[in-house]
Amino acid sequence: GQYFVLSPCKYRLHCLSFCTKPTGTHTAMDLSDMRKKYKADDQCF
């Protein structure tokens, strides 16, 4: 169903799955690979 919830587990795994590229400093980070899946075309509006 639409409101299936495994929030704490799913959220943690989702965060871990993002790839971040360290830049060698603590004030900059490349977030270009941070993305997630949205709805599929058969679920369009």
PDB file of all heavy atoms in Angstrom:
ATOM      1  N   GLY A   1       0.809  -1.215   0.000  1.00  0.00           N
ATOM      2  CA  GLY A   1       0.000   0.000   0.000  1.00  0.00           C
ATOM      3  C   GLY A   1       0.838   1.258   0.000  1.00  0.00           C
ATOM      4  O   GLY A   1       2.054   1.248   0.207  1.00  0.00           O
ATOM      5  N   GLN A   2       0.138   2.384  -0.209  1.00  0.00           N
ATOM      6  CA  GLN A   2       0.807   3.674  -0.407  1.00  0.00           C
ATOM      7  C   GLN A   2       1.571   4.147   0.813  1.00  0.00           C
ATOM      8  O   GLN A   2       2.582   4.812   0.710  1.00  0.00           O
ATOM      9  CB  GLN A   2      -0.241   4.714  -0.794  1.00  0.00           C
ATOM     10  CG  GLN A   2       0.349   6.059  -1.138  1.00  0.00           C
ATOM     11  CD  GLN A   2      -0.706   7.023  -1.588  1.00  0.00           C
ATOM     12  OE1 GLN A   2      -1.898   6.740  -1.484  1.00  0.00           O
ATOM     13  NE2 GLN A   2      -0.287   8.179  -2.093  1.00  0.00           N
ATOM     14  N   TYR A   3       1.103   3.799   2.019  1.00  0.00           N
ATOM     15  CA  TYR A   3       1.700   4.374   3.221  1.00  0.00           C
ATOM     16  C   TYR A   3       2.489   3.341   4.018  1.00  0.00           C
ATOM     17  O   TYR A   3       2.540   3.368   5.238  1.00  0.00           O
ATOM     18  CB  TYR A   3       0.611   5.009   4.089  1.00  0.00           C
ATOM     19  CG  TYR A   3      -0.164   6.053   3.355  1.00  0.00           C
ATOM     20  CD1 TYR A   3      -1.543   5.999   3.255  1.00  0.00           C
ATOM     21  CD2 TYR A   3       0.502   7.084   2.705  1.00  0.00           C
ATOM     22  CE1 TYR A   3      -2.240   6.953   2.549  1.00  0.00           C
ATOM     23  CE2 TYR A   3      -0.185   8.040   2.001  1.00  0.00           C
ATOM     24  CZ  TYR A   3      -1.546   7.980   1.931  1.00  0.00           C
ATOM     25  OH  TYR A   3      -2.245   8.927   1.234  1.00  0.00           O
ATOM     26  N   PHE A   4       3.099   2.387   3.303  1.00  0.00           N
ATOM     27  CA  PHE A   4       3.973   1.417   3.931  1.00  0.00           C
ATOM     28  C   PHE A   4       5.085   2.143   4.677  1.00  0.00           C
ATOM     29  O   PHE A   4       5.705   3.052   4.141  1.00  0.00           O
ATOM     30  CB  PHE A   4       4.557   0.519   2.834  1.00  0.00           C
ATOM     31  CG  PHE A   4       5.642  -0.404   3.307  1.00  0.00           C
ATOM     32  CD1 PHE A   4       5.332  -1.489   4.101  1.00  0.00           C
ATOM     33  CD2 PHE A   4       6.956  -0.183   2.942  1.00  0.00           C
ATOM     34  CE1 PHE A   4       6.329  -2.339   4.525  1.00  0.00           C
ATOM     35  CE2 PHE A   4       7.946  -1.035   3.361  1.00  0.00           C
ATOM     36  CZ  PHE A   4       7.637  -2.123   4.150  1.00  0.00           C
ATOM     37  N   VAL A   5       5.338   1.749   5.926  1.00  0.00           N
ATOM     38  CA  VAL A   5       6.316   2.481   6.734  1.00  0.00           C
ATOM     39  C   VAL A   5       7.332   1.540   7.373  1.00  0.00           C
ATOM     40  O   VAL A   5       6.977   0.592   8.055  1.00  0.00           O
ATOM     41  CB  VAL A   5       5.616   3.273   7.871  1.00  0.00           C
ATOM     42  CG1 VAL A   5       6.652   4.040   8.671  1.00  0.00           C
ATOM     43  CG2 VAL A   5       4.584   4.209   7.308  1.00  0.00           C
ATOM     44  N   LEU A   6       8.602   1.770   7.105  1.00  0.00           N
ATOM     45  CA  LEU A   6       9.712   1.217   7.879  1.00  0.00           C
ATOM     46  C   LEU A   6      10.670   2.380   8.113  1.00  0.00           C
ATOM     47  O   LEU A   6      11.843   2.315   7.792  1.00  0.00           O
ATOM     48  CB  LEU A   6      10.416   0.095   7.096  1.00  0.00           C
ATOM     49  CG  LEU A   6       9.752  -1.282   7.096  1.00  0.00           C
ATOM     50  CD1 LEU A   6      10.556  -2.237   6.228  1.00  0.00           C
ATOM     51  CD2 LEU A   6       9.657  -1.834   8.504  1.00  0.00           C
ATOM     52  N   SER A   7      10.119   3.471   8.639  1.00  0.00           N
ATOM     53  CA  SER A   7      10.804   4.766   8.575  1.00  0.00           C
ATOM     54  C   SER A   7      12.235   4.769   9.111  1.00  0.00           C
ATOM     55  O   SER A   7      13.139   5.145   8.385  1.00  0.00           O
ATOM     56  CB  SER A   7       9.984   5.828   9.300  1.00  0.00           C
ATOM     57  OG  SER A   7       8.749   5.958   8.672  1.00  0.00           O
ATOM     58  N   PRO A   8      12.498   4.382  10.380  1.00  0.00           N
ATOM     59  CA  PRO A   8      13.868   4.523  10.884  1.00  0.00           C
ATOM     60  C   PRO A   8      14.872   3.728  10.068  1.00  0.00           C
ATOM     61  O   PRO A   8      15.916   4.222   9.674  1.00  0.00           O
ATOM     62  CB  PRO A   8      13.763   4.013  12.330  1.00  0.00           C
ATOM     63  CG  PRO A   8      12.323   4.165  12.677  1.00  0.00           C
ATOM     64  CD  PRO A   8      11.576   3.892  11.406  1.00  0.00           C
ATOM     65  N   CYS A   9      14.516   2.458   9.775  1.00  0.00           N
ATOM     66  CA  CYS A   9      15.413   1.594   9.013  1.00  0.00           C
ATOM     67  C   CYS A   9      15.593   2.119   7.602  1.00  0.00           C
ATOM     68  O   CYS A   9      16.707   2.271   7.106  1.00  0.00           O
ATOM     69  CB  CYS A   9      14.849   0.175   8.988  1.00  0.00           C
ATOM     70  SG  CYS A   9      15.760  -0.945   7.901  1.00  0.00           S
ATOM     71  N   LYS A  10      14.480   2.390   6.944  1.00  0.00           N
ATOM     72  CA  LYS A  10      14.535   2.832   5.552  1.00  0.00           C
ATOM     73  C   LYS A  10      15.278   4.156   5.437  1.00  0.00           C
ATOM     74  O   LYS A  10      16.073   4.355   4.516  1.00  0.00           O
ATOM     75  CB  LYS A  10      13.112   2.971   5.000  1.00  0.00           C
ATOM     76  CG  LYS A  10      13.076   3.289   3.508  1.00  0.00           C
ATOM     77  CD  LYS A  10      11.646   3.266   3.013  1.00  0.00           C
ATOM     78  CE  LYS A  10      11.584   3.641   1.546  1.00  0.00           C
ATOM     79  NZ  LYS A  10      10.203   3.682   1.038  1.00  0.00           N
ATOM     80  N   TYR A  11      15.028   5.072   6.376  1.00  0.00           N
ATOM     81  CA  TYR A  11      15.683   6.380   6.324  1.00  0.00           C
ATOM     82  C   TYR A  11      17.194   6.224   6.464  1.00  0.00           C
ATOM     83  O   TYR A  11      17.961   6.844   5.741  1.00  0.00           O
ATOM     84  CB  TYR A  11      15.142   7.282   7.433  1.00  0.00           C
ATOM     85  CG  TYR A  11      15.817   8.629   7.489  1.00  0.00           C
ATOM     86  CD1 TYR A  11      15.492   9.616   6.559  1.00  0.00           C
ATOM     87  CD2 TYR A  11      16.795   8.901   8.438  1.00  0.00           C
ATOM     88  CE1 TYR A  11      16.121  10.849   6.589  1.00  0.00           C
ATOM     89  CE2 TYR A  11      17.427  10.122   8.466  1.00  0.00           C
ATOM     90  CZ  TYR A  11      17.079  11.099   7.544  1.00  0.00           C
ATOM     91  OH  TYR A  11      17.714  12.314   7.585  1.00  0.00           O
ATOM     92  N   ARG A  12      17.629   5.362   7.406  1.00  0.00           N
ATOM     93  CA  ARG A  12      19.060   5.167   7.626  1.00  0.00           C
ATOM     94  C   ARG A  12      19.711   4.571   6.385  1.00  0.00           C
ATOM     95  O   ARG A  12      20.767   5.011   5.935  1.00  0.00           O
ATOM     96  CB  ARG A  12      19.266   4.260   8.846  1.00  0.00           C
ATOM     97  CG  ARG A  12      20.729   3.955   9.146  1.00  0.00           C
ATOM     98  CD  ARG A  12      21.497   5.204   9.456  1.00  0.00           C
ATOM     99  NE  ARG A  12      22.904   4.912   9.723  1.00  0.00           N
ATOM    100  CZ  ARG A  12      23.867   5.779   9.562  1.00  0.00           C
ATOM    101  NH1 ARG A  12      23.600   6.996   9.125  1.00  0.00           N
ATOM    102  NH2 ARG A  12      25.113   5.452   9.837  1.00  0.00           N
ATOM    103  N   LEU A  13      19.072   3.550   5.804  1.00  0.00           N
ATOM    104  CA  LEU A  13      19.616   2.932   4.605  1.00  0.00           C
ATOM    105  C   LEU A  13      19.660   3.919   3.453  1.00  0.00           C
ATOM    106  O   LEU A  13      20.594   3.946   2.658  1.00  0.00           O
ATOM    107  CB  LEU A  13      18.766   1.714   4.211  1.00  0.00           C
ATOM    108  CG  LEU A  13      18.873   0.506   5.159  1.00  0.00           C
ATOM    109  CD1 LEU A  13      17.832  -0.527   4.777  1.00  0.00           C
ATOM    110  CD2 LEU A  13      20.269  -0.096   5.097  1.00  0.00           C
ATOM    111  N   HIS A  14      18.619   4.759   3.378  1.00  0.00           N
ATOM    112  CA  HIS A  14      18.564   5.762   2.307  1.00  0.00           C
ATOM    113  C   HIS A  14      19.732   6.745   2.439  1.00  0.00           C
ATOM    114  O   HIS A  14      20.369   7.104   1.440  1.00  0.00           O
ATOM    115  CB  HIS A  14      17.234   6.509   2.381  1.00  0.00           C
ATOM    116  CG  HIS A  14      17.085   7.578   1.361  1.00  0.00           C
ATOM    117  ND1 HIS A  14      17.017   7.306   0.016  1.00  0.00           N
ATOM    118  CD2 HIS A  14      17.002   8.924   1.487  1.00  0.00           C
ATOM    119  CE1 HIS A  14      16.892   8.443  -0.649  1.00  0.00           C
ATOM    120  NE2 HIS A  14      16.886   9.433   0.223  1.00  0.00           N
ATOM    121  N   CYS A  15      20.028   7.149   3.659  1.00  0.00           N
ATOM    122  CA  CYS A  15      21.144   8.073   3.880  1.00  0.00           C
ATOM    123  C   CYS A  15      22.471   7.412   3.514  1.00  0.00           C
ATOM    124  O   CYS A  15      23.335   8.028   2.893  1.00  0.00           O
ATOM    125  CB  CYS A  15      21.181   8.531   5.334  1.00  0.00           C
ATOM    126  SG  CYS A  15      19.805   9.605   5.779  1.00  0.00           S
ATOM    127  N   LEU A  16      22.635   6.144   3.897  1.00  0.00           N
ATOM    128  CA  LEU A  16      23.879   5.443   3.609  1.00  0.00           C
ATOM    129  C   LEU A  16      24.086   5.228   2.122  1.00  0.00           C
ATOM    130  O   LEU A  16      25.207   5.164   1.636  1.00  0.00           O
ATOM    131  CB  LEU A  16      23.897   4.091   4.336  1.00  0.00           C
ATOM    132  CG  LEU A  16      24.069   4.134   5.859  1.00  0.00           C
ATOM    133  CD1 LEU A  16      23.854   2.752   6.440  1.00  0.00           C
ATOM    134  CD2 LEU A  16      25.452   4.644   6.234  1.00  0.00           C
ATOM    135  N   SER A  17      22.988   5.090   1.385  1.00  0.00           N
ATOM    136  CA  SER A  17      23.097   4.796  -0.039  1.00  0.00           C
ATOM    137  C   SER A  17      23.549   6.002  -0.847  1.00  0.00           C
ATOM    138  O   SER A  17      23.966   5.863  -1.990  1.00  0.00           O
ATOM    139  CB  SER A  17      21.753   4.301  -0.584  1.00  0.00           C
ATOM    140  OG  SER A  17      20.793   5.338  -0.588  1.00  0.00           O
ATOM    141  N   PHE A  18      23.447   7.230  -0.282  1.00  0.00           N
ATOM    142  CA  PHE A  18      23.937   8.412  -0.980  1.00  0.00           C
ATOM    143  C   PHE A  18      25.464   8.370  -1.034  1.00  0.00           C
ATOM    144  O   PHE A  18      26.126   8.056  -0.054  1.00  0.00           O
ATOM    145  CB  PHE A  18      23.513   9.697  -0.262  1.00  0.00           C
ATOM    146  CG  PHE A  18      22.080  10.059  -0.489  1.00  0.00           C
ATOM    147  CD1 PHE A  18      21.329  10.572   0.560  1.00  0.00           C
ATOM    148  CD2 PHE A  18      21.498   9.901  -1.729  1.00  0.00           C
ATOM    149  CE1 PHE A  18      20.013  10.928   0.349  1.00  0.00           C
ATOM    150  CE2 PHE A  18      20.184  10.253  -1.939  1.00  0.00           C
ATOM    151  CZ  PHE A  18      19.439  10.771  -0.897  1.00  0.00           C
ATOM    152  N   CYS A  19      26.007   8.715  -2.170  1.00  0.00           N
ATOM    153  CA  CYS A  19      27.463   8.761  -2.320  1.00  0.00           C
ATOM    154  C   CYS A  19      27.925  10.206  -2.230  1.00  0.00           C
ATOM    155  O   CYS A  19      27.516  11.035  -3.033  1.00  0.00           O
ATOM    156  CB  CYS A  19      27.874   8.162  -3.661  1.00  0.00           C
ATOM    157  SG  CYS A  19      29.644   8.236  -3.969  1.00  0.00           S
ATOM    158  N   THR A  20      28.744  10.505  -1.261  1.00  0.00           N
ATOM    159  CA  THR A  20      29.284  11.857  -1.148  1.00  0.00           C
ATOM    160  C   THR A  20      30.780  11.817  -1.385  1.00  0.00           C
ATOM    161  O   THR A  20      31.460  10.894  -0.937  1.00  0.00           O
ATOM    162  CB  THR A  20      28.999  12.449   0.238  1.00  0.00           C
ATOM    163  OG1 THR A  20      29.532  11.571   1.226  1.00  0.00           O
ATOM    164  CG2 THR A  20      27.500  12.600   0.469  1.00  0.00           C
ATOM    165  N   LYS A  21      31.281  12.808  -2.096  1.00  0.00           N
ATOM    166  CA  LYS A  21      32.690  12.848  -2.451  1.00  0.00           C
ATOM    167  C   LYS A  21      33.405  13.873  -1.579  1.00  0.00           C
ATOM    168  O   LYS A  21      33.146  15.064  -1.703  1.00  0.00           O
ATOM    169  CB  LYS A  21      32.838  13.231  -3.924  1.00  0.00           C
ATOM    170  CG  LYS A  21      32.120  12.278  -4.872  1.00  0.00           C
ATOM    171  CD  LYS A  21      32.145  12.823  -6.287  1.00  0.00           C
ATOM    172  CE  LYS A  21      31.322  11.956  -7.219  1.00  0.00           C
ATOM    173  NZ  LYS A  21      31.241  12.515  -8.582  1.00  0.00           N
ATOM    174  N   PRO A  22      34.284  13.420  -0.669  1.00  0.00           N
ATOM    175  CA  PRO A  22      34.994  14.387   0.170  1.00  0.00           C
ATOM    176  C   PRO A  22      35.907  15.264  -0.669  1.00  0.00           C
ATOM    177  O   PRO A  22      36.474  14.828  -1.654  1.00  0.00           O
ATOM    178  CB  PRO A  22      35.798  13.498   1.136  1.00  0.00           C
ATOM    179  CG  PRO A  22      35.912  12.186   0.442  1.00  0.00           C
ATOM    180  CD  PRO A  22      34.669  12.035  -0.392  1.00  0.00           C
ATOM    181  N   THR A  23      36.024  16.515  -0.247  1.00  0.00           N
ATOM    182  CA  THR A  23      36.853  17.469  -0.989  1.00  0.00           C
ATOM    183  C   THR A  23      38.144  17.786  -0.242  1.00  0.00           C
ATOM    184  O   THR A  23      38.925  18.603  -0.710  1.00  0.00           O
ATOM    185  CB  THR A  23      36.071  18.773  -1.199  1.00  0.00           C
ATOM    186  OG1 THR A  23      35.744  19.331   0.072  1.00  0.00           O
ATOM    187  CG2 THR A  23      34.811  18.542  -1.999  1.00  0.00           C
ATOM    188  N   GLY A  24      38.350  17.159   0.899  1.00  0.00           N
ATOM    189  CA  GLY A  24      39.570  17.422   1.653  1.00  0.00           C
ATOM    190  C   GLY A  24      39.416  18.513   2.677  1.00  0.00           C
ATOM    191  O   GLY A  24      40.354  18.830   3.389  1.00  0.00           O
ATOM    192  N   THR A  25      38.235  19.145   2.760  1.00  0.00           N
ATOM    193  CA  THR A  25      37.993  20.163   3.775  1.00  0.00           C
ATOM    194  C   THR A  25      36.721  19.823   4.508  1.00  0.00           C
ATOM    195  O   THR A  25      35.935  18.985   4.079  1.00  0.00           O
ATOM    196  CB  THR A  25      37.859  21.566   3.154  1.00  0.00           C
ATOM    197  OG1 THR A  25      36.591  21.639   2.481  1.00  0.00           O
ATOM    198  CG2 THR A  25      38.970  21.843   2.158  1.00  0.00           C
ATOM    199  N   HIS A  26      36.491  20.494   5.634  1.00  0.00           N
ATOM    200  CA  HIS A  26      35.276  20.280   6.414  1.00  0.00           C
ATOM    201  C   HIS A  26      34.177  21.255   6.016  1.00  0.00           C
ATOM    202  O   HIS A  26      33.105  21.239   6.592  1.00  0.00           O
ATOM    203  CB  HIS A  26      35.583  20.425   7.910  1.00  0.00           C
ATOM    204  CG  HIS A  26      36.514  19.373   8.422  1.00  0.00           C
ATOM    205  ND1 HIS A  26      36.167  18.049   8.527  1.00  0.00           N
ATOM    206  CD2 HIS A  26      37.811  19.467   8.832  1.00  0.00           C
ATOM    207  CE1 HIS A  26      37.196  17.358   9.011  1.00  0.00           C
ATOM    208  NE2 HIS A  26      38.198  18.193   9.202  1.00  0.00           N
ATOM    209  N   THR A  27      34.434  22.139   5.065  1.00  0.00           N
ATOM    210  CA  THR A  27      33.461  23.172   4.715  1.00  0.00           C
ATOM    211  C   THR A  27      32.899  23.006   3.315  1.00  0.00           C
ATOM    212  O   THR A  27      32.104  23.831   2.872  1.00  0.00           O
ATOM    213  CB  THR A  27      34.107  24.566   4.826  1.00  0.00           C
ATOM    214  OG1 THR A  27      35.261  24.610   3.972  1.00  0.00           O
ATOM    215  CG2 THR A  27      34.504  24.860   6.258  1.00  0.00           C
ATOM    216  N   ALA A  28      33.310  21.955   2.602  1.00  0.00           N
ATOM    217  CA  ALA A  28      32.803  21.750   1.245  1.00  0.00           C
ATOM    218  C   ALA A  28      32.622  20.263   0.994  1.00  0.00           C
ATOM    219  O   ALA A  28      33.427  19.444   1.437  1.00  0.00           O
ATOM    220  CB  ALA A  28      33.751  22.345   0.219  1.00  0.00           C
ATOM    221  N   MET A  29      31.567  19.905   0.284  1.00  0.00           N
ATOM    222  CA  MET A  29      31.328  18.513  -0.057  1.00  0.00           C
ATOM    223  C   MET A  29      30.579  18.444  -1.368  1.00  0.00           C
ATOM    224  O   MET A  29      29.665  19.233  -1.613  1.00  0.00           O
ATOM    225  CB  MET A  29      30.528  17.818   1.057  1.00  0.00           C
ATOM    226  CG  MET A  29      30.293  16.334   0.792  1.00  0.00           C
ATOM    227  SD  MET A  29      29.554  15.488   2.193  1.00  0.00           S
ATOM    228  CE  MET A  29      30.947  15.402   3.297  1.00  0.00           C
ATOM    229  N   ASP A  30      30.964  17.539  -2.226  1.00  0.00           N
ATOM    230  CA  ASP A  30      30.289  17.337  -3.505  1.00  0.00           C
ATOM    231  C   ASP A  30      29.069  16.463  -3.271  1.00  0.00           C
ATOM    232  O   ASP A  30      29.182  15.306  -2.870  1.00  0.00           O
ATOM    233  CB  ASP A  30      31.259  16.668  -4.483  1.00  0.00           C
ATOM    234  CG  ASP A  30      30.630  16.455  -5.849  1.00  0.00           C
ATOM    235  OD1 ASP A  30      29.447  16.811  -6.026  1.00  0.00           O
ATOM    236  OD2 ASP A  30      31.316  15.924  -6.738  1.00  0.00           O
ATOM    237  N   LEU A  31      27.880  17.016  -3.487  1.00  0.00           N
ATOM    238  CA  LEU A  31      26.622  16.285  -3.281  1.00  0.00           C
ATOM    239  C   LEU A  31      25.958  15.908  -4.604  1.00  0.00           C
ATOM    240  O   LEU A  31      24.771  15.596  -4.641  1.00  0.00           O
ATOM    241  CB  LEU A  31      25.661  17.144  -2.448  1.00  0.00           C
ATOM    242  CG  LEU A  31      26.203  17.647  -1.110  1.00  0.00           C
ATOM    243  CD1 LEU A  31      25.143  18.499  -0.409  1.00  0.00           C
ATOM    244  CD2 LEU A  31      26.635  16.501  -0.218  1.00  0.00           C
ATOM    245  N   SER A  32      26.730  15.926  -5.688  1.00  0.00           N
ATOM    246  CA  SER A  32      26.144  15.712  -7.008  1.00  0.00           C
ATOM    247  C   SER A  32      25.529  14.322  -7.169  1.00  0.00           C
ATOM    248  O   SER A  32      24.665  14.131  -8.022  1.00  0.00           O
ATOM    249  CB  SER A  32      27.202  15.942  -8.096  1.00  0.00           C
ATOM    250  OG  SER A  32      28.313  15.072  -7.917  1.00  0.00           O
ATOM    251  N   ASP A  33      25.973  13.346  -6.377  1.00  0.00           N
ATOM    252  CA  ASP A  33      25.429  11.990  -6.492  1.00  0.00           C
ATOM    253  C   ASP A  33      24.243  11.738  -5.563  1.00  0.00           C
ATOM    254  O   ASP A  33      23.729  10.631  -5.510  1.00  0.00           O
ATOM    255  CB  ASP A  33      26.523  10.958  -6.201  1.00  0.00           C
ATOM    256  CG  ASP A  33      27.550  10.883  -7.323  1.00  0.00           C
ATOM    257  OD1 ASP A  33      27.165  11.157  -8.481  1.00  0.00           O
ATOM    258  OD2 ASP A  33      28.719  10.564  -7.047  1.00  0.00           O
ATOM    259  N   MET A  34      23.839  12.748  -4.800  1.00  0.00           N
ATOM    260  CA  MET A  34      22.700  12.556  -3.907  1.00  0.00           C
ATOM    261  C   MET A  34      21.405  12.657  -4.698  1.00  0.00           C
ATOM    262  O   MET A  34      21.043  13.733  -5.181  1.00  0.00           O
ATOM    263  CB  MET A  34      22.702  13.595  -2.787  1.00  0.00           C
ATOM    264  CG  MET A  34      23.794  13.394  -1.771  1.00  0.00           C
ATOM    265  SD  MET A  34      23.669  14.534  -0.363  1.00  0.00           S
ATOM    266  CE  MET A  34      22.237  13.884   0.479  1.00  0.00           C
ATOM    267  N   ARG A  35      20.733  11.545  -4.859  1.00  0.00           N
ATOM    268  CA  ARG A  35      19.454  11.530  -5.558  1.00  0.00           C
ATOM    269  C   ARG A  35      18.663  10.317  -5.102  1.00  0.00           C
ATOM    270  O   ARG A  35      19.215   9.348  -4.591  1.00  0.00           O
ATOM    271  CB  ARG A  35      19.649  11.503  -7.076  1.00  0.00           C
ATOM    272  CG  ARG A  35      20.419  10.327  -7.607  1.00  0.00           C
ATOM    273  CD  ARG A  35      20.505  10.370  -9.134  1.00  0.00           C
ATOM    274  NE  ARG A  35      21.065  11.610  -9.613  1.00  0.00           N
ATOM    275  CZ  ARG A  35      22.380  11.832  -9.725  1.00  0.00           C
ATOM    276  NH1 ARG A  35      23.241  10.890  -9.385  1.00  0.00           N
ATOM    277  NH2 ARG A  35      22.824  12.982 -10.161  1.00  0.00           N
ATOM    278  N   LYS A  36      17.366  10.365  -5.290  1.00  0.00           N
ATOM    279  CA  LYS A  36      16.519   9.234  -4.909  1.00  0.00           C
ATOM    280  C   LYS A  36      15.472   9.034  -5.982  1.00  0.00           C
ATOM    281  O   LYS A  36      15.208   9.915  -6.817  1.00  0.00           O
ATOM    282  CB  LYS A  36      15.845   9.472  -3.559  1.00  0.00           C
ATOM    283  CG  LYS A  36      14.906  10.664  -3.524  1.00  0.00           C
ATOM    284  CD  LYS A  36      14.058  10.656  -2.269  1.00  0.00           C
ATOM    285  CE  LYS A  36      13.023   9.538  -2.335  1.00  0.00           C
ATOM    286  NZ  LYS A  36      12.087   9.593  -1.198  1.00  0.00           N
ATOM    287  N   LYS A  37      14.874   7.876  -5.966  1.00  0.00           N
ATOM    288  CA  LYS A  37      13.819   7.571  -6.920  1.00  0.00           C
ATOM    289  C   LYS A  37      12.506   8.191  -6.461  1.00  0.00           C
ATOM    290  O   LYS A  37      12.191   8.189  -5.276  1.00  0.00           O
ATOM    291  CB  LYS A  37      13.649   6.058  -7.061  1.00  0.00           C
ATOM    292  CG  LYS A  37      14.784   5.379  -7.797  1.00  0.00           C
ATOM    293  CD  LYS A  37      14.476   3.901  -8.003  1.00  0.00           C
ATOM    294  CE  LYS A  37      15.577   3.234  -8.811  1.00  0.00           C
ATOM    295  NZ  LYS A  37      15.279   1.802  -9.044  1.00  0.00           N
ATOM    296  N   TYR A  38      11.761   8.717  -7.429  1.00  0.00           N
ATOM    297  CA  TYR A  38      10.415   9.200  -7.152  1.00  0.00           C
ATOM    298  C   TYR A  38       9.435   8.168  -7.714  1.00  0.00           C
ATOM    299  O   TYR A  38       9.688   6.984  -7.664  1.00  0.00           O
ATOM    300  CB  TYR A  38      10.202  10.581  -7.780  1.00  0.00           C
ATOM    301  CG  TYR A  38      11.036  11.689  -7.179  1.00  0.00           C
ATOM    302  CD1 TYR A  38      11.360  12.810  -7.921  1.00  0.00           C
ATOM    303  CD2 TYR A  38      11.500  11.620  -5.874  1.00  0.00           C
ATOM    304  CE1 TYR A  38      12.118  13.841  -7.383  1.00  0.00           C
ATOM    305  CE2 TYR A  38      12.251  12.643  -5.330  1.00  0.00           C
ATOM    306  CZ  TYR A  38      12.561  13.746  -6.081  1.00  0.00           C
ATOM    307  OH  TYR A  38      13.314  14.752  -5.541  1.00  0.00           O
ATOM    308  N   LYS A  39       8.347   8.624  -8.249  1.00  0.00           N
ATOM    309  CA  LYS A  39       7.345   7.720  -8.788  1.00  0.00           C
ATOM    310  C   LYS A  39       7.727   7.276 -10.198  1.00  0.00           C
ATOM    311  O   LYS A  39       8.431   7.972 -10.924  1.00  0.00           O
ATOM    312  CB  LYS A  39       5.973   8.396  -8.800  1.00  0.00           C
ATOM    313  CG  LYS A  39       5.437   8.700  -7.395  1.00  0.00           C
ATOM    314  CD  LYS A  39       4.068   9.333  -7.467  1.00  0.00           C
ATOM    315  CE  LYS A  39       3.572   9.698  -6.075  1.00  0.00           C
ATOM    316  NZ  LYS A  39       3.320   8.537  -5.242  1.00  0.00           N
ATOM    317  N   ALA A  40       7.228   6.096 -10.604  1.00  0.00           N
ATOM    318  CA  ALA A  40       7.450   5.602 -11.956  1.00  0.00           C
ATOM    319  C   ALA A  40       6.416   6.212 -12.891  1.00  0.00           C
ATOM    320  O   ALA A  40       5.429   6.808 -12.455  1.00  0.00           O
ATOM    321  CB  ALA A  40       7.340   4.079 -11.960  1.00  0.00           C
ATOM    322  N   ASP A  41       6.660   6.060 -14.188  1.00  0.00           N
ATOM    323  CA  ASP A  41       5.791   6.696 -15.172  1.00  0.00           C
ATOM    324  C   ASP A  41       4.350   6.198 -15.066  1.00  0.00           C
ATOM    325  O   ASP A  41       3.408   6.942 -15.342  1.00  0.00           O
ATOM    326  CB  ASP A  41       6.321   6.455 -16.586  1.00  0.00           C
ATOM    327  CG  ASP A  41       5.589   7.291 -17.624  1.00  0.00           C
ATOM    328  OD1 ASP A  41       5.707   8.531 -17.571  1.00  0.00           O
ATOM    329  OD2 ASP A  41       4.868   6.707 -18.464  1.00  0.00           O
ATOM    330  N   ASP A  42       4.182   4.938 -14.647  1.00  0.00           N
ATOM    331  CA  ASP A  42       2.809   4.429 -14.522  1.00  0.00           C
ATOM    332  C   ASP A  42       2.090   4.984 -13.290  1.00  0.00           C
ATOM    333  O   ASP A  42       0.915   4.696 -13.065  1.00  0.00           O
ATOM    334  CB  ASP A  42       2.781   2.897 -14.498  1.00  0.00           C
ATOM    335  CG  ASP A  42       3.584   2.315 -13.338  1.00  0.00           C
ATOM    336  OD1 ASP A  42       4.223   3.087 -12.595  1.00  0.00           O
ATOM    337  OD2 ASP A  42       3.579   1.079 -13.169  1.00  0.00           O
ATOM    338  N   GLN A  43       2.808   5.789 -12.484  1.00  0.00           N
ATOM    339  CA  GLN A  43       2.195   6.448 -11.335  1.00  0.00           C
ATOM    340  C   GLN A  43       2.158   7.965 -11.525  1.00  0.00           C
ATOM    341  O   GLN A  43       2.076   8.713 -10.561  1.00  0.00           O
ATOM    342  CB  GLN A  43       2.986   6.134 -10.056  1.00  0.00           C
ATOM    343  CG  GLN A  43       3.011   4.659  -9.686  1.00  0.00           C
ATOM    344  CD  GLN A  43       3.934   4.404  -8.507  1.00  0.00           C
ATOM    345  OE1 GLN A  43       5.152   4.592  -8.599  1.00  0.00           O
ATOM    346  NE2 GLN A  43       3.372   3.989  -7.397  1.00  0.00           N
ATOM    347  N   CYS A  44       2.200   8.401 -12.785  1.00  0.00           N
ATOM    348  CA  CYS A  44       2.235   9.835 -13.061  1.00  0.00           C
ATOM    349  C   CYS A  44       0.896  10.491 -12.718  1.00  0.00           C
ATOM    350  O   CYS A  44      -0.102   9.815 -12.476  1.00  0.00           O
ATOM    351  CB  CYS A  44       2.599  10.087 -14.520  1.00  0.00           C
ATOM    352  SG  CYS A  44       1.410   9.402 -15.678  1.00  0.00           S
ATOM    353  N   PHE A  45       0.916  11.815 -12.692  1.00  0.00           N
ATOM    354  CA  PHE A  45      -0.263  12.602 -12.336  1.00  0.00           C
ATOM    355  C   PHE A  45      -0.833  13.223 -13.604  1.00  0.00           C
ATOM    356  O   PHE A  45      -0.297  14.189 -14.132  1.00  0.00           O
ATOM    357  CB  PHE A  45       0.138  13.683 -11.321  1.00  0.00           C
ATOM    358  CG  PHE A  45      -0.990  14.574 -10.883  1.00  0.00           C
ATOM    359  CD1 PHE A  45      -2.202  14.050 -10.470  1.00  0.00           C
ATOM    360  CD2 PHE A  45      -0.829  15.952 -10.872  1.00  0.00           C
ATOM    361  CE1 PHE A  45      -3.241  14.864 -10.066  1.00  0.00           C
ATOM    362  CE2 PHE A  45      -1.858  16.786 -10.463  1.00  0.00           C
ATOM    363  CZ  PHE A  45      -3.067  16.236 -10.059  1.00  0.00           C
TER     364      PHE A  45
END
